[in-house]
Amino acid sequence: MRALLTILVLICPASAEIVDRIVATVGNIVITESELVEHLRIAAFLNQEEVRQTPEERKKALERLVEQALIRHEIEISRYSAPDAASIEKILENVKARFKSEEAYLEALAKSQINDEQLRQAISWQITLLRFIEYRFRPGIQVSDEDIQSYYDKRFLPEWSKSKKEPPPPLPEVRDRIARILTAQREDEALDQWLEQARKQTRIRIHEEALP
């Protein structure tokens, strides 16, 4: 994804100008057709799926981009630092490990109609997003012993019994794992609440005519 959402102007060989269609505005941030399509292509590549551009998929993707625009605005005014190259490269290597070779990786990129730089930018954004969630919401989250015990009894043990034949591990062995799960859930809840408030405070316009 791009660091800033801008209108892209494409110059064709005949020197005529084609203005990228606007699909939504979030405050003073513009989301364009090309950004929507790129988002769908990158998501399909990472999920190792075919690119789907049905009206339903396009609307879901646009909803994600609207949320990202709200977060980008907050990140910009809060001056979060961009991830370093090493952090991006580490995740990129994990993505490449799914493929048999560098050539297979590049072929998959080409099939999804994206390039290595676009993928790197998408990874950079994902790292930035995760850091924003962690720094903004995690300090206010508390997970008690009672919360962990309740999750162990009501979720962990029933799910274990459905999928495993051996006895479940005792609570002390999975306490940290459960604490991380509960923390992540509460971060998601806090983010959803923040997004709801941000929506109320931001003028958002969806161009329905651009979403066939």
Protein backbone atom coordinates (compact mmCIF):
# COMPACT_ATOMS: atom_id res chain seq x y z
CA MET A 1 0.00 0.00 0.00
CA ARG A 2 1.11 3.60 -0.50
CA ALA A 3 2.20 5.86 2.34
CA LEU A 4 -0.26 8.47 1.10
CA LEU A 5 -3.50 7.89 -0.78
CA THR A 6 -3.38 10.04 -3.90
CA ILE A 7 -5.08 10.31 -7.27
CA LEU A 8 -2.92 8.62 -9.86
CA VAL A 9 -2.74 10.03 -13.38
CA LEU A 10 -1.78 7.49 -16.03
CA ILE A 11 -0.24 8.70 -19.29
CA CYS A 12 -1.04 6.48 -22.28
CA PRO A 13 1.19 6.23 -25.39
CA ALA A 14 -0.98 8.69 -27.30
CA SER A 15 -0.28 11.26 -24.55
CA ALA A 16 -3.95 11.38 -23.53
CA GLU A 17 -4.52 11.57 -19.80
CA ILE A 18 -6.72 9.07 -17.95
CA VAL A 19 -7.68 10.17 -14.44
CA ASP A 20 -7.89 7.34 -11.92
CA ARG A 21 -11.49 6.97 -10.76
CA ILE A 22 -12.27 7.96 -7.17
CA VAL A 23 -14.17 5.29 -5.23
CA ALA A 24 -14.25 6.97 -1.80
CA THR A 25 -13.06 9.95 0.20
CA VAL A 26 -12.24 9.82 3.90
CA GLY A 27 -11.85 13.35 5.16
CA ASN A 28 -9.28 14.78 2.77
CA ILE A 29 -7.90 11.35 1.84
CA VAL A 30 -8.82 9.97 -1.56
CA ILE A 31 -9.17 6.27 -2.32
CA THR A 32 -8.94 5.41 -6.01
CA GLU A 33 -9.92 2.52 -8.22
CA SER A 34 -6.30 1.53 -8.74
CA GLU A 35 -5.75 1.34 -4.98
CA LEU A 36 -8.85 -0.80 -4.55
CA VAL A 37 -7.73 -3.19 -7.29
CA GLU A 38 -4.18 -3.36 -5.91
CA HIS A 39 -5.56 -4.14 -2.45
CA LEU A 40 -7.59 -7.03 -3.86
CA ARG A 41 -4.60 -8.37 -5.80
CA ILE A 42 -2.23 -8.25 -2.84
CA ALA A 43 -4.77 -9.91 -0.53
CA ALA A 44 -5.33 -12.67 -3.09
CA PHE A 45 -1.58 -13.19 -3.46
CA LEU A 46 -0.98 -13.43 0.29
CA ASN A 47 -3.93 -15.80 0.70
CA GLN A 48 -2.78 -17.78 -2.36
CA GLU A 49 -6.17 -17.35 -4.00
CA GLU A 50 -7.47 -16.19 -7.35
CA VAL A 51 -8.16 -12.47 -7.57
CA ARG A 52 -11.91 -11.91 -7.23
CA GLN A 53 -13.52 -8.61 -8.13
CA THR A 54 -17.17 -9.37 -7.46
CA PRO A 55 -19.28 -6.48 -6.12
CA GLU A 56 -19.25 -8.13 -2.70
CA GLU A 57 -15.46 -8.51 -2.63
CA ARG A 58 -14.96 -4.95 -3.86
CA LYS A 59 -17.23 -3.56 -1.14
CA LYS A 60 -15.41 -5.55 1.54
CA ALA A 61 -12.05 -4.35 0.24
CA LEU A 62 -13.24 -0.74 0.13
CA GLU A 63 -14.45 -1.01 3.72
CA ARG A 64 -10.96 -2.15 4.74
CA LEU A 65 -9.39 0.74 2.83
CA VAL A 66 -11.71 3.24 4.54
CA GLU A 67 -10.63 1.89 7.94
CA GLN A 68 -7.00 2.03 6.87
CA ALA A 69 -7.43 5.65 5.79
CA LEU A 70 -8.79 6.54 9.23
CA ILE A 71 -5.81 4.84 10.86
CA ARG A 72 -3.31 6.37 8.42
CA HIS A 73 -4.55 9.83 9.34
CA GLU A 74 -4.04 9.11 13.04
CA ILE A 75 -0.61 7.61 12.38
CA GLU A 76 0.47 10.67 10.39
CA ILE A 77 -0.60 13.20 13.02
CA SER A 78 0.90 11.05 15.79
CA ARG A 79 4.16 10.68 13.82
CA TYR A 80 4.68 6.95 14.18
CA SER A 81 8.03 5.86 12.76
CA ALA A 82 8.12 3.72 9.62
CA PRO A 83 9.36 0.12 9.95
CA ASP A 84 13.00 -0.49 9.08
CA ALA A 85 14.08 -2.48 6.04
CA ALA A 86 15.14 -5.47 8.14
CA SER A 87 11.64 -5.88 9.59
CA ILE A 88 10.10 -5.78 6.13
CA GLU A 89 12.67 -8.21 4.72
CA LYS A 90 12.04 -10.71 7.52
CA ILE A 91 8.34 -10.95 6.72
CA LEU A 92 9.01 -10.96 2.99
CA GLU A 93 11.30 -13.95 3.43
CA ASN A 94 8.49 -15.78 5.24
CA VAL A 95 6.20 -15.06 2.30
CA LYS A 96 8.80 -16.26 -0.20
CA ALA A 97 9.27 -19.47 1.82
CA ARG A 98 5.83 -20.57 0.63
CA PHE A 99 7.23 -20.97 -2.87
CA LYS A 100 9.65 -23.52 -4.26
CA SER A 101 11.99 -20.92 -5.72
CA GLU A 102 12.51 -17.23 -6.42
CA GLU A 103 11.20 -17.86 -9.93
CA ALA A 104 7.98 -19.39 -8.56
CA TYR A 105 7.57 -16.39 -6.26
CA LEU A 106 7.98 -13.95 -9.14
CA GLU A 107 5.59 -15.96 -11.30
CA ALA A 108 2.96 -15.82 -8.55
CA LEU A 109 3.44 -12.06 -8.28
CA ALA A 110 2.99 -11.68 -12.02
CA LYS A 111 -0.12 -13.85 -11.97
CA SER A 112 -1.63 -11.59 -9.30
CA GLN A 113 -0.56 -8.54 -11.36
CA ILE A 114 1.53 -6.98 -8.60
CA ASN A 115 5.26 -6.47 -8.20
CA ASP A 116 7.83 -6.92 -5.46
CA GLU A 117 7.83 -3.25 -4.49
CA GLN A 118 4.05 -3.16 -4.07
CA LEU A 119 4.26 -6.20 -1.82
CA ARG A 120 7.02 -4.60 0.24
CA GLN A 121 4.89 -1.49 0.70
CA ALA A 122 1.96 -3.65 1.80
CA ILE A 123 4.15 -5.44 4.33
CA SER A 124 5.47 -2.12 5.61
CA TRP A 125 1.91 -0.93 6.15
CA GLN A 126 0.94 -4.13 7.99
CA ILE A 127 3.89 -3.72 10.37
CA THR A 128 2.95 -0.09 10.93
CA LEU A 129 -0.66 -1.04 11.59
CA LEU A 130 0.28 -3.72 14.13
CA ARG A 131 2.59 -1.29 15.92
CA PHE A 132 -0.15 1.34 16.02
CA ILE A 133 -2.58 -1.14 17.59
CA GLU A 134 0.02 -2.30 20.10
CA TYR A 135 1.20 1.17 21.14
CA ARG A 136 -2.23 2.79 21.12
CA PHE A 137 -4.36 0.14 22.83
CA ARG A 138 -2.23 -2.47 24.60
CA PRO A 139 -1.16 -0.28 27.57
CA GLY A 140 -4.79 -0.03 28.69
CA ILE A 141 -5.49 -3.77 28.48
CA GLN A 142 -5.42 -5.95 31.56
CA VAL A 143 -5.92 -9.72 31.60
CA SER A 144 -6.62 -11.14 35.04
CA ASP A 145 -6.05 -14.64 36.37
CA GLU A 146 -9.84 -15.03 36.42
CA ASP A 147 -10.03 -14.14 32.74
CA ILE A 148 -7.41 -16.75 31.90
CA GLN A 149 -9.09 -19.42 34.02
CA SER A 150 -12.46 -18.68 32.43
CA TYR A 151 -11.05 -18.93 28.91
CA TYR A 152 -9.27 -22.18 29.78
CA ASP A 153 -12.45 -23.75 31.17
CA LYS A 154 -14.97 -22.43 28.63
CA ARG A 155 -12.97 -22.26 25.41
CA PHE A 156 -9.64 -24.03 25.56
CA LEU A 157 -10.76 -27.32 27.12
CA PRO A 158 -13.89 -27.78 24.93
CA GLU A 159 -11.93 -27.00 21.74
CA TRP A 160 -9.12 -29.33 22.80
CA SER A 161 -11.52 -32.21 23.43
CA LYS A 162 -13.00 -31.81 19.95
CA SER A 163 -9.68 -31.97 18.10
CA LYS A 164 -7.26 -33.87 20.31
CA LYS A 165 -7.25 -37.39 21.74
CA GLU A 166 -4.55 -36.91 24.35
CA PRO A 167 -5.22 -35.20 27.70
CA PRO A 168 -5.12 -31.37 27.63
CA PRO A 169 -2.11 -29.54 29.04
CA PRO A 170 -2.56 -28.07 32.52
CA LEU A 171 -3.35 -24.39 32.74
CA PRO A 172 0.18 -23.25 33.76
CA GLU A 173 1.58 -24.64 30.51
CA VAL A 174 -0.79 -22.61 28.32
CA ARG A 175 -1.29 -19.56 30.54
CA ASP A 176 0.93 -17.28 28.43
CA ARG A 177 -0.69 -18.44 25.20
CA ILE A 178 -4.17 -17.73 26.56
CA ALA A 179 -3.04 -14.32 27.86
CA ARG A 180 -1.81 -13.43 24.37
CA ILE A 181 -5.10 -14.56 22.81
CA LEU A 182 -7.16 -12.50 25.24
CA THR A 183 -4.90 -9.48 24.79
CA ALA A 184 -5.26 -9.68 21.01
CA GLN A 185 -9.03 -9.99 21.28
CA ARG A 186 -9.25 -6.92 23.49
CA GLU A 187 -6.96 -4.99 21.18
CA ASP A 188 -9.35 -5.79 18.33
CA GLU A 189 -12.30 -4.65 20.43
CA ALA A 190 -10.53 -1.42 21.36
CA LEU A 191 -9.64 -0.80 17.71
CA ASP A 192 -13.26 -1.38 16.64
CA GLN A 193 -14.46 1.14 19.22
CA TRP A 194 -11.84 3.64 18.09
CA LEU A 195 -12.83 3.19 14.43
CA GLU A 196 -16.48 3.70 15.31
CA GLN A 197 -15.66 7.02 16.95
CA ALA A 198 -13.33 8.03 14.12
CA ARG A 199 -16.09 7.38 11.59
CA LYS A 200 -18.45 9.67 13.48
CA GLN A 201 -15.86 12.45 13.45
CA THR A 202 -14.85 12.08 9.79
CA ARG A 203 -16.73 12.87 6.61
CA ILE A 204 -16.76 9.66 4.58
CA ARG A 205 -18.19 9.46 1.09
CA ILE A 206 -18.51 6.21 -0.85
CA HIS A 207 -18.96 6.56 -4.61
CA GLU A 208 -21.44 3.73 -5.13
CA GLU A 209 -21.41 4.28 -8.90
CA ALA A 210 -17.76 3.21 -8.90
CA LEU A 211 -18.58 -0.15 -7.32
CA PRO A 212 -20.35 -2.21 -10.01
